[in-house]
């Protein structure tokens, strides 16, 4: 897999796929230990909305800055 894709892959058109908004935080925690303080049943979309993040990377930056 290409370096820097964080476990994602490229779609047929070459775009890097994004994490789905319905992904549970407990599953993301396997790759992103900085999400340890989120509840298991929270979804990525809920957490992004609540924390005012535009993307997964933006959310990671906000969590690290806390």
PDB file of N, CA and C in Angstrom:
ATOM      1  N   UNK A   1       0.851  -1.178   0.000  1.00  0.00           N
ATOM      2  CA  UNK A   1       0.000   0.000   0.000  1.00  0.00           C
ATOM      3  C   UNK A   1       0.897   1.241   0.000  1.00  0.00           C
ATOM      4  N   UNK A   2       0.433   2.275  -0.634  1.00  0.00           N
ATOM      5  CA  UNK A   2       1.211   3.510  -0.728  1.00  0.00           C
ATOM      6  C   UNK A   2       1.394   4.140   0.650  1.00  0.00           C
ATOM      7  N   UNK A   3       2.569   4.683   0.846  1.00  0.00           N
ATOM      8  CA  UNK A   3       2.884   5.326   2.114  1.00  0.00           C
ATOM      9  C   UNK A   3       2.021   6.570   2.306  1.00  0.00           C
ATOM     10  N   UNK A   4       1.554   6.786   3.531  1.00  0.00           N
ATOM     11  CA  UNK A   4       0.786   7.986   3.827  1.00  0.00           C
ATOM     12  C   UNK A   4      -0.707   7.874   3.619  1.00  0.00           C
ATOM     13  N   UNK A   5      -1.191   6.691   3.286  1.00  0.00           N
ATOM     14  CA  UNK A   5      -2.621   6.543   3.053  1.00  0.00           C
ATOM     15  C   UNK A   5      -3.377   6.138   4.321  1.00  0.00           C
ATOM     16  N   UNK A   6      -2.705   5.878   5.419  1.00  0.00           N
ATOM     17  CA  UNK A   6      -3.353   5.523   6.693  1.00  0.00           C
ATOM     18  C   UNK A   6      -4.337   4.373   6.545  1.00  0.00           C
ATOM     19  N   UNK A   7      -3.970   3.356   5.801  1.00  0.00           N
ATOM     20  CA  UNK A   7      -4.836   2.199   5.664  1.00  0.00           C
ATOM     21  C   UNK A   7      -5.940   2.359   4.634  1.00  0.00           C
ATOM     22  N   UNK A   8      -5.972   3.499   3.959  1.00  0.00           N
ATOM     23  CA  UNK A   8      -6.996   3.716   2.942  1.00  0.00           C
ATOM     24  C   UNK A   8      -6.464   3.250   1.592  1.00  0.00           C
ATOM     25  N   UNK A   9      -7.301   3.219   0.620  1.00  0.00           N
ATOM     26  CA  UNK A   9      -6.887   2.823  -0.722  1.00  0.00           C
ATOM     27  C   UNK A   9      -7.380   3.850  -1.728  1.00  0.00           C
ATOM     28  N   UNK A  10      -6.914   3.722  -2.939  1.00  0.00           N
ATOM     29  CA  UNK A  10      -7.368   4.617  -3.997  1.00  0.00           C
ATOM     30  C   UNK A  10      -8.544   3.978  -4.728  1.00  0.00           C
ATOM     31  N   UNK A  11      -9.545   4.803  -5.029  1.00  0.00           N
ATOM     32  CA  UNK A  11     -10.685   4.340  -5.816  1.00  0.00           C
ATOM     33  C   UNK A  11     -10.239   4.182  -7.265  1.00  0.00           C
ATOM     34  N   UNK A  12     -11.121   3.662  -8.108  1.00  0.00           N
ATOM     35  CA  UNK A  12     -10.780   3.437  -9.514  1.00  0.00           C
ATOM     36  C   UNK A  12     -10.380   4.724 -10.220  1.00  0.00           C
ATOM     37  N   UNK A  13     -10.961   5.850  -9.799  1.00  0.00           N
ATOM     38  CA  UNK A  13     -10.625   7.122 -10.447  1.00  0.00           C
ATOM     39  C   UNK A  13      -9.362   7.759  -9.868  1.00  0.00           C
ATOM     40  N   UNK A  14      -8.693   7.067  -8.925  1.00  0.00           N
ATOM     41  CA  UNK A  14      -7.439   7.567  -8.378  1.00  0.00           C
ATOM     42  C   UNK A  14      -7.578   8.360  -7.095  1.00  0.00           C
ATOM     43  N   UNK A  15      -8.817   8.685  -6.694  1.00  0.00           N
ATOM     44  CA  UNK A  15      -9.021   9.426  -5.449  1.00  0.00           C
ATOM     45  C   UNK A  15      -8.783   8.509  -4.262  1.00  0.00           C
ATOM     46  N   UNK A  16      -8.268   9.068  -3.181  1.00  0.00           N
ATOM     47  CA  UNK A  16      -8.068   8.301  -1.958  1.00  0.00           C
ATOM     48  C   UNK A  16      -9.413   8.191  -1.262  1.00  0.00           C
ATOM     49  N   UNK A  17      -9.793   6.968  -0.901  1.00  0.00           N
ATOM     50  CA  UNK A  17     -11.076   6.786  -0.225  1.00  0.00           C
ATOM     51  C   UNK A  17     -11.023   7.398   1.168  1.00  0.00           C
ATOM     52  N   UNK A  18     -12.155   7.844   1.651  1.00  0.00           N
ATOM     53  CA  UNK A  18     -12.245   8.455   2.969  1.00  0.00           C
ATOM     54  C   UNK A  18     -12.911   7.497   3.924  1.00  0.00           C
ATOM     55  N   UNK A  19     -12.696   7.712   5.225  1.00  0.00           N
ATOM     56  CA  UNK A  19     -13.403   6.922   6.225  1.00  0.00           C
ATOM     57  C   UNK A  19     -14.872   7.312   6.174  1.00  0.00           C
ATOM     58  N   UNK A  20     -15.729   6.349   6.335  1.00  0.00           N
ATOM     59  CA  UNK A  20     -17.165   6.610   6.307  1.00  0.00           C
ATOM     60  C   UNK A  20     -17.601   7.245   7.622  1.00  0.00           C
ATOM     61  N   UNK A  21     -18.593   8.110   7.553  1.00  0.00           N
ATOM     62  CA  UNK A  21     -19.079   8.817   8.727  1.00  0.00           C
ATOM     63  C   UNK A  21     -19.721   7.916   9.761  1.00  0.00           C
ATOM     64  N   UNK A  22     -20.176   6.730   9.317  1.00  0.00           N
ATOM     65  CA  UNK A  22     -20.828   5.832  10.265  1.00  0.00           C
ATOM     66  C   UNK A  22     -19.836   4.892  10.956  1.00  0.00           C
ATOM     67  N   UNK A  23     -18.545   5.101  10.740  1.00  0.00           N
ATOM     68  CA  UNK A  23     -17.513   4.295  11.390  1.00  0.00           C
ATOM     69  C   UNK A  23     -17.515   4.571  12.881  1.00  0.00           C
ATOM     70  N   UNK A  24     -17.547   3.522  13.678  1.00  0.00           N
ATOM     71  CA  UNK A  24     -17.546   3.654  15.138  1.00  0.00           C
ATOM     72  C   UNK A  24     -16.149   4.022  15.627  1.00  0.00           C
ATOM     73  N   UNK A  25     -16.124   4.845  16.668  1.00  0.00           N
ATOM     74  CA  UNK A  25     -14.843   5.288  17.222  1.00  0.00           C
ATOM     75  C   UNK A  25     -14.042   4.114  17.781  1.00  0.00           C
ATOM     76  N   UNK A  26     -14.720   3.078  18.270  1.00  0.00           N
ATOM     77  CA  UNK A  26     -13.994   1.917  18.794  1.00  0.00           C
ATOM     78  C   UNK A  26     -13.169   1.259  17.691  1.00  0.00           C
ATOM     79  N   UNK A  27     -13.645   1.314  16.446  1.00  0.00           N
ATOM     80  CA  UNK A  27     -12.895   0.738  15.334  1.00  0.00           C
ATOM     81  C   UNK A  27     -11.752   1.650  14.900  1.00  0.00           C
ATOM     82  N   UNK A  28     -11.974   2.941  14.945  1.00  0.00           N
ATOM     83  CA  UNK A  28     -10.918   3.881  14.575  1.00  0.00           C
ATOM     84  C   UNK A  28      -9.779   3.873  15.589  1.00  0.00           C
ATOM     85  N   UNK A  29     -10.107   3.560  16.822  1.00  0.00           N
ATOM     86  CA  UNK A  29      -9.111   3.562  17.894  1.00  0.00           C
ATOM     87  C   UNK A  29      -7.983   2.563  17.623  1.00  0.00           C
ATOM     88  N   UNK A  30      -8.255   1.529  16.847  1.00  0.00           N
ATOM     89  CA  UNK A  30      -7.218   0.549  16.501  1.00  0.00           C
ATOM     90  C   UNK A  30      -6.071   1.221  15.744  1.00  0.00           C
ATOM     91  N   UNK A  31      -6.398   2.169  14.877  1.00  0.00           N
ATOM     92  CA  UNK A  31      -5.385   2.871  14.084  1.00  0.00           C
ATOM     93  C   UNK A  31      -5.007   4.218  14.665  1.00  0.00           C
ATOM     94  N   UNK A  32      -5.897   4.803  15.467  1.00  0.00           N
ATOM     95  CA  UNK A  32      -5.685   6.143  16.002  1.00  0.00           C
ATOM     96  C   UNK A  32      -5.868   6.125  17.523  1.00  0.00           C
ATOM     97  N   UNK A  33      -4.830   5.760  18.271  1.00  0.00           N
ATOM     98  CA  UNK A  33      -4.964   5.648  19.730  1.00  0.00           C
ATOM     99  C   UNK A  33      -5.313   6.970  20.406  1.00  0.00           C
ATOM    100  N   UNK A  34      -5.135   8.091  19.724  1.00  0.00           N
ATOM    101  CA  UNK A  34      -5.480   9.384  20.315  1.00  0.00           C
ATOM    102  C   UNK A  34      -6.986   9.546  20.514  1.00  0.00           C
ATOM    103  N   UNK A  35      -7.778   8.630  19.967  1.00  0.00           N
ATOM    104  CA  UNK A  35      -9.228   8.676  20.123  1.00  0.00           C
ATOM    105  C   UNK A  35      -9.696   7.895  21.346  1.00  0.00           C
ATOM    106  N   UNK A  36      -8.814   7.628  22.285  1.00  0.00           N
ATOM    107  CA  UNK A  36      -9.127   6.785  23.442  1.00  0.00           C
ATOM    108  C   UNK A  36     -10.216   7.364  24.332  1.00  0.00           C
ATOM    109  N   UNK A  37     -10.436   8.669  24.313  1.00  0.00           N
ATOM    110  CA  UNK A  37     -11.413   9.291  25.202  1.00  0.00           C
ATOM    111  C   UNK A  37     -12.820   9.377  24.623  1.00  0.00           C
ATOM    112  N   UNK A  38     -13.002   8.927  23.390  1.00  0.00           N
ATOM    113  CA  UNK A  38     -14.333   8.933  22.796  1.00  0.00           C
ATOM    114  C   UNK A  38     -15.066   7.648  23.164  1.00  0.00           C
ATOM    115  N   UNK A  39     -16.374   7.738  23.270  1.00  0.00           N
ATOM    116  CA  UNK A  39     -17.181   6.558  23.582  1.00  0.00           C
ATOM    117  C   UNK A  39     -17.161   5.592  22.410  1.00  0.00           C
ATOM    118  N   UNK A  40     -17.217   4.304  22.700  1.00  0.00           N
ATOM    119  CA  UNK A  40     -17.169   3.269  21.665  1.00  0.00           C
ATOM    120  C   UNK A  40     -18.265   3.418  20.628  1.00  0.00           C
ATOM    121  N   UNK A  41     -19.470   3.778  21.058  1.00  0.00           N
ATOM    122  CA  UNK A  41     -20.599   3.809  20.132  1.00  0.00           C
ATOM    123  C   UNK A  41     -20.718   5.115  19.345  1.00  0.00           C
ATOM    124  N   UNK A  42     -19.905   6.122  19.665  1.00  0.00           N
ATOM    125  CA  UNK A  42     -19.908   7.365  18.881  1.00  0.00           C
ATOM    126  C   UNK A  42     -19.452   7.067  17.465  1.00  0.00           C
ATOM    127  N   UNK A  43     -20.030   7.775  16.495  1.00  0.00           N
ATOM    128  CA  UNK A  43     -19.591   7.615  15.104  1.00  0.00           C
ATOM    129  C   UNK A  43     -18.667   8.769  14.731  1.00  0.00           C
ATOM    130  N   UNK A  44     -17.915   8.565  13.687  1.00  0.00           N
ATOM    131  CA  UNK A  44     -16.997   9.594  13.214  1.00  0.00           C
ATOM    132  C   UNK A  44     -17.751  10.876  12.885  1.00  0.00           C
ATOM    133  N   UNK A  45     -18.903  10.780  12.240  1.00  0.00           N
ATOM    134  CA  UNK A  45     -19.684  11.972  11.891  1.00  0.00           C
ATOM    135  C   UNK A  45     -20.132  12.734  13.122  1.00  0.00           C
ATOM    136  N   UNK A  46     -20.598  12.011  14.151  1.00  0.00           N
ATOM    137  CA  UNK A  46     -21.042  12.658  15.380  1.00  0.00           C
ATOM    138  C   UNK A  46     -19.899  13.418  16.049  1.00  0.00           C
ATOM    139  N   UNK A  47     -18.764  12.784  16.124  1.00  0.00           N
ATOM    140  CA  UNK A  47     -17.612  13.397  16.796  1.00  0.00           C
ATOM    141  C   UNK A  47     -17.097  14.591  15.998  1.00  0.00           C
ATOM    142  N   UNK A  48     -17.039  14.457  14.671  1.00  0.00           N
ATOM    143  CA  UNK A  48     -16.596  15.580  13.843  1.00  0.00           C
ATOM    144  C   UNK A  48     -17.527  16.769  14.007  1.00  0.00           C
ATOM    145  N   UNK A  49     -18.827  16.526  14.009  1.00  0.00           N
ATOM    146  CA  UNK A  49     -19.800  17.615  14.189  1.00  0.00           C
ATOM    147  C   UNK A  49     -19.653  18.259  15.562  1.00  0.00           C
ATOM    148  N   UNK A  50     -19.536  17.442  16.568  1.00  0.00           N
ATOM    149  CA  UNK A  50     -19.456  17.941  17.941  1.00  0.00           C
ATOM    150  C   UNK A  50     -18.173  18.753  18.173  1.00  0.00           C
ATOM    151  N   UNK A  51     -17.063  18.311  17.560  1.00  0.00           N
ATOM    152  CA  UNK A  51     -15.778  18.992  17.767  1.00  0.00           C
ATOM    153  C   UNK A  51     -15.473  20.038  16.705  1.00  0.00           C
ATOM    154  N   UNK A  52     -16.363  20.186  15.725  1.00  0.00           N
ATOM    155  CA  UNK A  52     -16.169  21.191  14.686  1.00  0.00           C
ATOM    156  C   UNK A  52     -15.037  20.869  13.736  1.00  0.00           C
ATOM    157  N   UNK A  53     -14.835  19.586  13.452  1.00  0.00           N
ATOM    158  CA  UNK A  53     -13.769  19.159  12.546  1.00  0.00           C
ATOM    159  C   UNK A  53     -14.334  18.928  11.152  1.00  0.00           C
ATOM    160  N   UNK A  54     -13.529  19.241  10.147  1.00  0.00           N
ATOM    161  CA  UNK A  54     -13.962  19.066   8.757  1.00  0.00           C
ATOM    162  C   UNK A  54     -13.604  17.692   8.191  1.00  0.00           C
ATOM    163  N   UNK A  55     -12.597  17.045   8.773  1.00  0.00           N
ATOM    164  CA  UNK A  55     -12.116  15.776   8.245  1.00  0.00           C
ATOM    165  C   UNK A  55     -11.519  14.948   9.370  1.00  0.00           C
ATOM    166  N   UNK A  56     -11.159  13.726   9.057  1.00  0.00           N
ATOM    167  CA  UNK A  56     -10.512  12.861  10.037  1.00  0.00           C
ATOM    168  C   UNK A  56      -9.179  13.468  10.475  1.00  0.00           C
ATOM    169  N   UNK A  57      -8.406  13.964   9.537  1.00  0.00           N
ATOM    170  CA  UNK A  57      -7.123  14.591   9.884  1.00  0.00           C
ATOM    171  C   UNK A  57      -7.319  15.829  10.753  1.00  0.00           C
ATOM    172  N   UNK A  58      -8.330  16.612  10.444  1.00  0.00           N
ATOM    173  CA  UNK A  58      -8.634  17.795  11.250  1.00  0.00           C
ATOM    174  C   UNK A  58      -9.002  17.383  12.674  1.00  0.00           C
ATOM    175  N   UNK A  59      -9.800  16.331  12.811  1.00  0.00           N
ATOM    176  CA  UNK A  59     -10.177  15.829  14.132  1.00  0.00           C
ATOM    177  C   UNK A  59      -8.946  15.343  14.893  1.00  0.00           C
ATOM    178  N   UNK A  60      -8.049  14.640  14.217  1.00  0.00           N
ATOM    179  CA  UNK A  60      -6.824  14.161  14.871  1.00  0.00           C
ATOM    180  C   UNK A  60      -5.997  15.319  15.389  1.00  0.00           C
ATOM    181  N   UNK A  61      -5.889  16.393  14.591  1.00  0.00           N
ATOM    182  CA  UNK A  61      -5.131  17.575  15.036  1.00  0.00           C
ATOM    183  C   UNK A  61      -5.779  18.222  16.262  1.00  0.00           C
ATOM    184  N   UNK A  62      -7.104  18.331  16.229  1.00  0.00           N
ATOM    185  CA  UNK A  62      -7.822  18.944  17.358  1.00  0.00           C
ATOM    186  C   UNK A  62      -7.653  18.118  18.636  1.00  0.00           C
ATOM    187  N   UNK A  63      -7.691  16.806  18.513  1.00  0.00           N
ATOM    188  CA  UNK A  63      -7.542  15.936  19.688  1.00  0.00           C
ATOM    189  C   UNK A  63      -6.122  16.041  20.242  1.00  0.00           C
ATOM    190  N   UNK A  64      -5.140  16.087  19.371  1.00  0.00           N
ATOM    191  CA  UNK A  64      -3.742  16.187  19.831  1.00  0.00           C
ATOM    192  C   UNK A  64      -3.466  17.524  20.493  1.00  0.00           C
ATOM    193  N   UNK A  65      -4.181  18.570  20.068  1.00  0.00           N
ATOM    194  CA  UNK A  65      -3.964  19.913  20.633  1.00  0.00           C
ATOM    195  C   UNK A  65      -4.611  20.090  21.999  1.00  0.00           C
ATOM    196  N   UNK A  66      -5.507  19.175  22.382  1.00  0.00           N
ATOM    197  CA  UNK A  66      -6.207  19.304  23.671  1.00  0.00           C
ATOM    198  C   UNK A  66      -5.293  18.962  24.815  1.00  0.00           C
TER     199      UNK A  66
END
